[in-house]
Each structure stands twice: as structure tokens, then as C-alpha cells.
Amino acid sequence: MSSSPRSWRRAGTALRAWRSGQWTMAGAGALATAVLVGAPTDVVPNPLFGRSVPVQWWNYPALAVTAALAGIVLSTYVRRPAAPSSSAPEPPAADGGRLGAIGGVLSFFAVGCPVCNKLVLVLLGASGALSYWAPLQPLLAVLSAGLLAEAALRRLSAETECPVTPSA
């Protein structure tokens, strides 16, 4: 077993081995993430939500990256059908799930309206939200993408890791 829970090579191998069902799930997960993060923050225009501060140009690529990475992470939870002649056990569970969840939540705060967030308003007030919180949002978007990328890397790496069976 390797000393690191992540490997770019193993992650790439896992992605190349994905079947259409996993790619479909990744697409559905990306679309669901785009709607679940984009609609309430009004980055995806809709009649149910609005925002007091206009959407910034970087909100769109931040949402797209978040959605794509979240779709990949979500798809790693789909159980692949085993080959009929294979009795190999499932790969070990990776520890990237929490990172992905935190990254997803951070993306919501990153692209959301700075003065529409009740928590930020209570803590900083409207002028503080615009003066202090809004400039931090692009950094939150980068942090969110980094956490989601790390989660995807760990989970994909685990898909191709050879399971270790305990010896008696």
C-alpha cells in the first residue's frame, strides 16, 4: 500500500476506466450542484431568489469549477458493477468525503451575495460585509475548488488502489 492517499496517476487511471454510468452520474451531480449552489445565490437567475449586489464575473467560473468537481466527487460514490469473473473486493473507502462537503459549503459562501447572507450581516453588518467579506469571497472560491479537487483526487486514487487483505 502506498504511503500517500492520493496519486495523480491512479486518479487518471480511475477516470479512464469510468463507464458511461459514472460519467452520467458525474454530469447529473454537476448539474444538481450548479442548481443547488447557483439558484439560491442567484448566480443562476431564477424567480425565487434575488441578490442585492450584482453577480461578479468570477462567480460564473467558480460555480462551473465547483459543479464539475462536485460531480466527479459524487460519482465516486456510485458502486461500479463487478466483472462476472472477478471476486475482487471493493477498493477501500477514501477519506475525501469531508473535504468535498466542506468545499461544497464554502462554494455557497464564495459565490453568494455578501449582504444577503444573514450570518455575515449579523457578524459584520452591511458595510462590513461589503468591505471585509466581499474581498474574501474569491479566496473562498479558490479554497473551495482546492478542497473539492483534493477530495476528487483522494477518492479517485482509492478506486485503483490495490486492496490489502489481512494475513492470518
Protein backbone atom coordinates (compact mmCIF):
# COMPACT_ATOMS: atom_id res chain seq x y z
CA MET A 1 0.00 0.00 0.00
CA SER A 2 1.33 3.44 -0.81
CA SER A 3 2.18 6.00 1.83
CA SER A 4 0.02 8.71 0.29
CA PRO A 5 -3.78 8.55 -0.02
CA ARG A 6 -3.54 10.35 -3.36
CA SER A 7 -1.89 9.87 -6.71
CA TRP A 8 -2.43 11.81 -9.91
CA ARG A 9 -1.53 8.70 -11.93
CA ARG A 10 -4.02 6.45 -10.10
CA ALA A 11 -6.70 9.15 -10.32
CA GLY A 12 -6.18 9.43 -14.08
CA THR A 13 -6.33 5.65 -14.42
CA ALA A 14 -9.60 5.62 -12.48
CA LEU A 15 -11.14 8.30 -14.71
CA ARG A 16 -10.11 6.45 -17.86
CA ALA A 17 -11.78 3.30 -16.50
CA TRP A 18 -15.10 5.02 -15.82
CA ARG A 19 -18.08 3.70 -17.73
CA SER A 20 -20.98 5.71 -19.07
CA GLY A 21 -22.98 5.27 -15.84
CA GLN A 22 -20.31 7.01 -13.80
CA TRP A 23 -19.97 9.83 -16.31
CA THR A 24 -23.75 10.19 -16.35
CA MET A 25 -23.75 10.41 -12.55
CA ALA A 26 -20.91 12.96 -12.67
CA GLY A 27 -22.95 15.07 -15.11
CA ALA A 28 -26.10 14.77 -13.02
CA GLY A 29 -24.13 15.62 -9.86
CA ALA A 30 -22.58 18.65 -11.56
CA LEU A 31 -25.98 19.86 -12.74
CA ALA A 32 -27.51 19.33 -9.29
CA THR A 33 -24.63 21.19 -7.65
CA ALA A 34 -24.94 24.07 -10.12
CA VAL A 35 -28.63 24.39 -9.30
CA LEU A 36 -28.28 23.86 -5.52
CA VAL A 37 -25.48 26.44 -5.23
CA GLY A 38 -26.36 28.71 -8.15
CA ALA A 39 -30.10 29.18 -7.65
CA PRO A 40 -30.17 30.39 -4.01
CA THR A 41 -27.18 32.65 -4.65
CA ASP A 42 -28.88 33.92 -7.83
CA VAL A 43 -25.79 33.20 -9.93
CA VAL A 44 -28.24 31.07 -11.90
CA PRO A 45 -31.08 33.56 -12.49
CA ASN A 46 -34.43 32.39 -11.20
CA PRO A 47 -37.69 33.93 -9.95
CA LEU A 48 -37.38 32.56 -6.40
CA PHE A 49 -34.19 34.29 -5.26
CA GLY A 50 -32.57 37.65 -5.77
CA ARG A 51 -29.48 39.47 -4.63
CA SER A 52 -28.71 42.99 -3.55
CA VAL A 53 -25.21 43.03 -5.03
CA PRO A 54 -24.73 42.13 -8.71
CA VAL A 55 -23.13 38.81 -9.63
CA GLN A 56 -19.38 39.23 -10.14
CA TRP A 57 -17.67 37.96 -13.30
CA TRP A 58 -15.69 35.34 -11.34
CA ASN A 59 -18.85 33.83 -9.80
CA TYR A 60 -19.61 32.02 -13.07
CA PRO A 61 -16.29 30.16 -13.44
CA ALA A 62 -16.23 29.49 -9.70
CA LEU A 63 -19.66 27.88 -9.92
CA ALA A 64 -18.66 25.89 -13.02
CA VAL A 65 -15.49 24.54 -11.39
CA THR A 66 -17.39 23.73 -8.20
CA ALA A 67 -20.10 21.91 -10.12
CA ALA A 68 -17.65 19.88 -12.23
CA LEU A 69 -15.52 18.83 -9.26
CA ALA A 70 -18.55 18.09 -7.08
CA GLY A 71 -19.98 15.94 -9.87
CA ILE A 72 -16.77 13.92 -10.02
CA VAL A 73 -16.64 13.52 -6.24
CA LEU A 74 -20.31 12.49 -6.11
CA SER A 75 -19.75 9.97 -8.89
CA THR A 76 -17.03 8.22 -6.88
CA TYR A 77 -19.78 7.10 -4.51
CA VAL A 78 -21.50 5.13 -7.28
CA ARG A 79 -20.73 1.46 -6.94
CA ARG A 80 -19.29 0.02 -10.11
CA PRO A 81 -20.65 -3.34 -11.23
CA ALA A 82 -18.07 -6.09 -10.69
CA ALA A 83 -16.93 -8.13 -13.63
CA PRO A 84 -18.67 -11.54 -13.68
CA SER A 85 -15.40 -13.48 -13.19
CA SER A 86 -13.99 -11.05 -10.64
CA SER A 87 -14.34 -11.64 -6.95
CA ALA A 88 -12.07 -8.73 -6.03
CA PRO A 89 -13.32 -6.67 -3.10
CA GLU A 90 -14.33 -3.04 -3.48
CA PRO A 91 -11.49 -0.55 -3.10
CA PRO A 92 -11.08 0.91 0.38
CA ALA A 93 -13.16 3.93 1.26
CA ALA A 94 -11.24 7.14 0.75
CA ASP A 95 -11.18 9.97 3.23
CA GLY A 96 -12.03 12.74 0.78
CA GLY A 97 -15.74 12.91 1.62
CA ARG A 98 -15.46 15.54 4.32
CA LEU A 99 -13.18 17.67 2.17
CA GLY A 100 -15.75 17.56 -0.62
CA ALA A 101 -18.59 18.52 1.72
CA ILE A 102 -16.64 21.43 3.17
CA GLY A 103 -15.63 22.54 -0.33
CA GLY A 104 -19.25 22.49 -1.44
CA VAL A 105 -20.41 24.57 1.52
CA LEU A 106 -17.59 27.07 1.03
CA SER A 107 -18.57 27.49 -2.61
CA PHE A 108 -22.02 28.61 -1.48
CA PHE A 109 -20.47 31.33 0.69
CA ALA A 110 -17.98 32.20 -2.05
CA VAL A 111 -20.50 32.98 -4.79
CA GLY A 112 -23.34 34.23 -2.59
CA CYS A 113 -24.37 37.84 -2.27
CA PRO A 114 -22.22 39.34 0.51
CA VAL A 115 -25.06 41.36 2.03
CA CYS A 116 -27.73 38.67 1.54
CA ASN A 117 -26.01 36.27 3.92
CA LYS A 118 -27.72 36.68 7.30
CA LEU A 119 -24.79 35.26 9.23
CA VAL A 120 -22.34 37.71 7.64
CA LEU A 121 -24.76 40.59 8.21
CA VAL A 122 -25.13 39.72 11.90
CA LEU A 123 -21.38 39.41 12.38
CA LEU A 124 -20.15 42.31 10.22
CA GLY A 125 -23.10 44.49 9.32
CA ALA A 126 -23.85 45.63 5.76
CA SER A 127 -20.79 47.85 5.40
CA GLY A 128 -18.54 45.16 6.90
CA ALA A 129 -19.99 42.58 4.53
CA LEU A 130 -19.06 44.76 1.57
CA SER A 131 -15.73 45.98 2.96
CA TYR A 132 -14.40 42.77 4.50
CA TRP A 133 -16.43 39.76 3.38
CA ALA A 134 -16.78 40.56 -0.34
CA PRO A 135 -13.00 40.79 -0.91
CA LEU A 136 -12.55 37.39 0.78
CA GLN A 137 -15.08 35.64 -1.44
CA PRO A 138 -12.71 34.97 -4.38
CA LEU A 139 -10.27 33.39 -1.91
CA LEU A 140 -13.10 31.22 -0.58
CA ALA A 141 -13.85 30.15 -4.15
CA VAL A 142 -10.22 29.08 -4.66
CA LEU A 143 -10.20 27.28 -1.31
CA SER A 144 -13.47 25.57 -2.17
CA ALA A 145 -12.13 24.38 -5.53
CA GLY A 146 -8.93 23.19 -3.88
CA LEU A 147 -10.82 21.14 -1.29
CA LEU A 148 -13.08 19.62 -3.94
CA ALA A 149 -10.06 18.82 -6.15
CA GLU A 150 -8.26 17.17 -3.23
CA ALA A 151 -11.39 15.15 -2.39
CA ALA A 152 -11.69 14.03 -6.02
CA LEU A 153 -8.00 13.15 -6.17
CA ARG A 154 -8.17 11.06 -3.00
CA ARG A 155 -11.38 9.28 -3.92
CA LEU A 156 -10.26 8.56 -7.49
CA SER A 157 -6.87 7.35 -6.27
CA ALA A 158 -8.60 4.90 -3.95
CA GLU A 159 -10.57 3.44 -6.84
CA THR A 160 -7.43 1.95 -8.37
CA GLU A 161 -5.58 1.19 -5.15
CA CYS A 162 -4.94 -2.47 -4.61
CA PRO A 163 -6.81 -3.69 -1.57
CA VAL A 164 -4.67 -5.16 1.19
CA THR A 165 -6.05 -8.30 2.73
CA PRO A 166 -5.02 -9.03 6.31
CA SER A 167 -2.89 -12.13 6.67
CA ALA A 168 -3.62 -14.69 9.33
